[in-house]
Structures are given as structure tokens and as C-alpha cells.
Amino acid sequence: MGPEIVIVSFLFGFLPTLIALLRGHDNTFAIFLTNLLLGWTGIGWVIALIWSFTAIRSRVRS
């Protein structure tokens, strides 16, 4: 297995975390932990993926 396959597999595995980071999600760290600890189950990965696409609350500045 070449290094390209390992890198692509790693990126695909942490896709929910990457999406949350790119979207500036409020719960990025929690999504990362869910992805890290439960992502290997498949169900945990899907939960993290859905969570990363949920609405982001806009912050009210005073």
C-alpha cells in the first residue's frame, strides 16, 4: 500500500472534522472527538458527518 492511499484514507476518515473546520463550526472539537473515538464504528463517522453539516449559529456582536 502506497503512501498516497494511506493519506487519502486518513483524510477520508477525518472528513467530518475537516468539513467542520472549513465551515467554522462551533462544535469542531466535539466533532473531532466523536470522529476520533467513534469514527471507526461507521455509525460514529456518519453521526460526525451529519453533525458537521448542521447549522452554524451566527454570533451576535454587541
N, C-alpha and C. Protein backbone atom coordinates (compact mmCIF):
# COMPACT_ATOMS: atom_id res chain seq x y z
N MET A 1 0.85 -1.17 0.00
CA MET A 1 0.00 0.00 0.00
C MET A 1 0.90 1.24 0.00
N GLY A 2 0.68 2.08 -1.00
CA GLY A 2 1.50 3.28 -1.14
C GLY A 2 1.10 4.38 -0.17
N PRO A 3 1.99 5.34 0.00
CA PRO A 3 1.70 6.43 0.93
C PRO A 3 0.51 7.29 0.50
N GLU A 4 0.24 7.34 -0.79
CA GLU A 4 -0.90 8.13 -1.27
C GLU A 4 -2.21 7.55 -0.76
N ILE A 5 -2.31 6.22 -0.76
CA ILE A 5 -3.53 5.56 -0.30
C ILE A 5 -3.72 5.78 1.19
N VAL A 6 -2.64 5.75 1.94
CA VAL A 6 -2.72 5.98 3.39
C VAL A 6 -3.20 7.40 3.67
N ILE A 7 -2.65 8.37 2.96
CA ILE A 7 -3.04 9.77 3.16
C ILE A 7 -4.49 10.01 2.78
N VAL A 8 -4.91 9.47 1.66
CA VAL A 8 -6.30 9.62 1.22
C VAL A 8 -7.25 8.94 2.20
N SER A 9 -6.90 7.78 2.69
CA SER A 9 -7.72 7.07 3.67
C SER A 9 -7.84 7.86 4.96
N PHE A 10 -6.75 8.44 5.41
CA PHE A 10 -6.75 9.25 6.62
C PHE A 10 -7.63 10.48 6.44
N LEU A 11 -7.51 11.16 5.29
CA LEU A 11 -8.32 12.35 5.03
C LEU A 11 -9.80 11.99 4.93
N PHE A 12 -10.10 10.87 4.29
CA PHE A 12 -11.50 10.44 4.19
C PHE A 12 -12.06 10.09 5.56
N GLY A 13 -11.25 9.46 6.40
CA GLY A 13 -11.69 9.09 7.73
C GLY A 13 -12.00 10.30 8.60
N PHE A 14 -11.25 11.37 8.41
CA PHE A 14 -11.47 12.58 9.18
C PHE A 14 -12.20 13.66 8.38
N LEU A 15 -12.93 13.25 7.36
CA LEU A 15 -13.71 14.18 6.55
C LEU A 15 -14.69 15.02 7.38
N PRO A 16 -15.41 14.43 8.34
CA PRO A 16 -16.31 15.26 9.15
C PRO A 16 -15.58 16.38 9.91
N THR A 17 -14.41 16.07 10.42
CA THR A 17 -13.63 17.08 11.13
C THR A 17 -13.15 18.17 10.17
N LEU A 18 -12.72 17.78 9.00
CA LEU A 18 -12.26 18.76 8.02
C LEU A 18 -13.39 19.68 7.58
N ILE A 19 -14.58 19.11 7.38
CA ILE A 19 -15.74 19.91 7.00
C ILE A 19 -16.08 20.90 8.11
N ALA A 20 -16.08 20.42 9.35
CA ALA A 20 -16.38 21.31 10.48
C ALA A 20 -15.36 22.44 10.57
N LEU A 21 -14.09 22.13 10.36
CA LEU A 21 -13.05 23.17 10.39
C LEU A 21 -13.26 24.20 9.29
N LEU A 22 -13.54 23.73 8.09
CA LEU A 22 -13.71 24.64 6.96
C LEU A 22 -14.95 25.50 7.10
N ARG A 23 -15.99 24.98 7.75
CA ARG A 23 -17.22 25.74 7.93
C ARG A 23 -17.18 26.63 9.17
N GLY A 24 -16.16 26.48 10.00
CA GLY A 24 -16.08 27.27 11.22
C GLY A 24 -17.15 26.89 12.22
N HIS A 25 -17.41 25.61 12.31
CA HIS A 25 -18.46 25.10 13.20
C HIS A 25 -18.12 25.37 14.65
N ASP A 26 -19.15 25.71 15.45
CA ASP A 26 -18.95 26.00 16.87
C ASP A 26 -18.47 24.78 17.64
N ASN A 27 -18.85 23.59 17.21
CA ASN A 27 -18.52 22.35 17.92
C ASN A 27 -17.45 21.52 17.22
N THR A 28 -16.51 22.19 16.61
CA THR A 28 -15.48 21.49 15.84
C THR A 28 -14.70 20.49 16.71
N PHE A 29 -14.35 20.89 17.93
CA PHE A 29 -13.58 19.99 18.79
C PHE A 29 -14.40 18.76 19.18
N ALA A 30 -15.67 18.95 19.48
CA ALA A 30 -16.54 17.84 19.83
C ALA A 30 -16.74 16.91 18.62
N ILE A 31 -16.84 17.48 17.45
CA ILE A 31 -16.95 16.66 16.23
C ILE A 31 -15.67 15.87 16.03
N PHE A 32 -14.52 16.51 16.27
CA PHE A 32 -13.24 15.82 16.16
C PHE A 32 -13.17 14.64 17.13
N LEU A 33 -13.58 14.87 18.38
CA LEU A 33 -13.53 13.78 19.36
C LEU A 33 -14.47 12.64 18.99
N THR A 34 -15.66 12.98 18.52
CA THR A 34 -16.60 11.95 18.07
C THR A 34 -16.00 11.16 16.91
N ASN A 35 -15.41 11.89 15.98
CA ASN A 35 -14.78 11.26 14.82
C ASN A 35 -13.61 10.37 15.24
N LEU A 36 -12.81 10.85 16.17
CA LEU A 36 -11.63 10.11 16.62
C LEU A 36 -12.01 8.86 17.40
N LEU A 37 -12.94 9.00 18.33
CA LEU A 37 -13.27 7.89 19.24
C LEU A 37 -14.31 6.93 18.68
N LEU A 38 -15.24 7.43 17.88
CA LEU A 38 -16.31 6.56 17.39
C LEU A 38 -16.35 6.43 15.86
N GLY A 39 -15.48 7.15 15.17
CA GLY A 39 -15.49 7.12 13.71
C GLY A 39 -15.23 5.73 13.13
N TRP A 40 -14.45 4.94 13.83
CA TRP A 40 -14.12 3.59 13.34
C TRP A 40 -15.34 2.68 13.29
N THR A 41 -16.42 3.03 14.00
CA THR A 41 -17.61 2.18 14.01
C THR A 41 -18.45 2.33 12.75
N GLY A 42 -18.24 3.37 12.02
CA GLY A 42 -19.08 3.63 10.84
C GLY A 42 -20.27 4.48 11.22
N ILE A 43 -21.00 4.07 12.23
CA ILE A 43 -22.15 4.85 12.70
C ILE A 43 -21.65 6.16 13.31
N GLY A 44 -20.58 6.08 14.10
CA GLY A 44 -20.00 7.29 14.68
C GLY A 44 -19.50 8.24 13.62
N TRP A 45 -18.96 7.70 12.53
CA TRP A 45 -18.48 8.53 11.43
C TRP A 45 -19.65 9.26 10.76
N VAL A 46 -20.75 8.53 10.53
CA VAL A 46 -21.93 9.15 9.91
C VAL A 46 -22.51 10.23 10.82
N ILE A 47 -22.57 9.97 12.13
CA ILE A 47 -23.06 10.97 13.08
C ILE A 47 -22.19 12.22 13.02
N ALA A 48 -20.88 12.05 13.03
CA ALA A 48 -19.97 13.19 12.97
C ALA A 48 -20.13 13.94 11.65
N LEU A 49 -20.35 13.21 10.56
CA LEU A 49 -20.52 13.85 9.26
C LEU A 49 -21.79 14.68 9.23
N ILE A 50 -22.89 14.13 9.70
CA ILE A 50 -24.15 14.87 9.74
C ILE A 50 -24.01 16.09 10.64
N TRP A 51 -23.39 15.91 11.80
CA TRP A 51 -23.20 17.00 12.75
C TRP A 51 -22.37 18.12 12.14
N SER A 52 -21.39 17.78 11.33
CA SER A 52 -20.53 18.80 10.73
C SER A 52 -21.30 19.65 9.71
N PHE A 53 -22.40 19.14 9.20
CA PHE A 53 -23.21 19.89 8.23
C PHE A 53 -24.37 20.64 8.87
N THR A 54 -24.56 20.50 10.18
CA THR A 54 -25.68 21.20 10.82
C THR A 54 -25.44 22.70 10.82
N ALA A 55 -26.51 23.42 11.08
CA ALA A 55 -26.48 24.88 11.03
C ALA A 55 -25.47 25.44 12.04
N ILE A 56 -24.88 26.52 11.64
CA ILE A 56 -23.93 27.23 12.49
C ILE A 56 -24.63 28.49 12.99
N ARG A 57 -24.63 28.65 14.30
CA ARG A 57 -25.25 29.86 14.87
C ARG A 57 -24.35 31.05 14.59
N SER A 58 -24.99 32.12 14.15
CA SER A 58 -24.20 33.33 13.95
C SER A 58 -24.03 34.03 15.29
N ARG A 59 -22.86 34.49 15.53
CA ARG A 59 -22.55 35.15 16.80
C ARG A 59 -23.03 36.59 16.76
N VAL A 60 -23.71 36.97 17.80
CA VAL A 60 -24.19 38.35 17.92
C VAL A 60 -23.11 39.18 18.58
N ARG A 61 -22.71 40.22 17.92
CA ARG A 61 -21.69 41.10 18.47
C ARG A 61 -22.36 42.31 19.09
N SER A 62 -21.93 42.66 20.26
CA SER A 62 -22.53 43.81 20.93
C SER A 62 -21.58 44.99 20.99
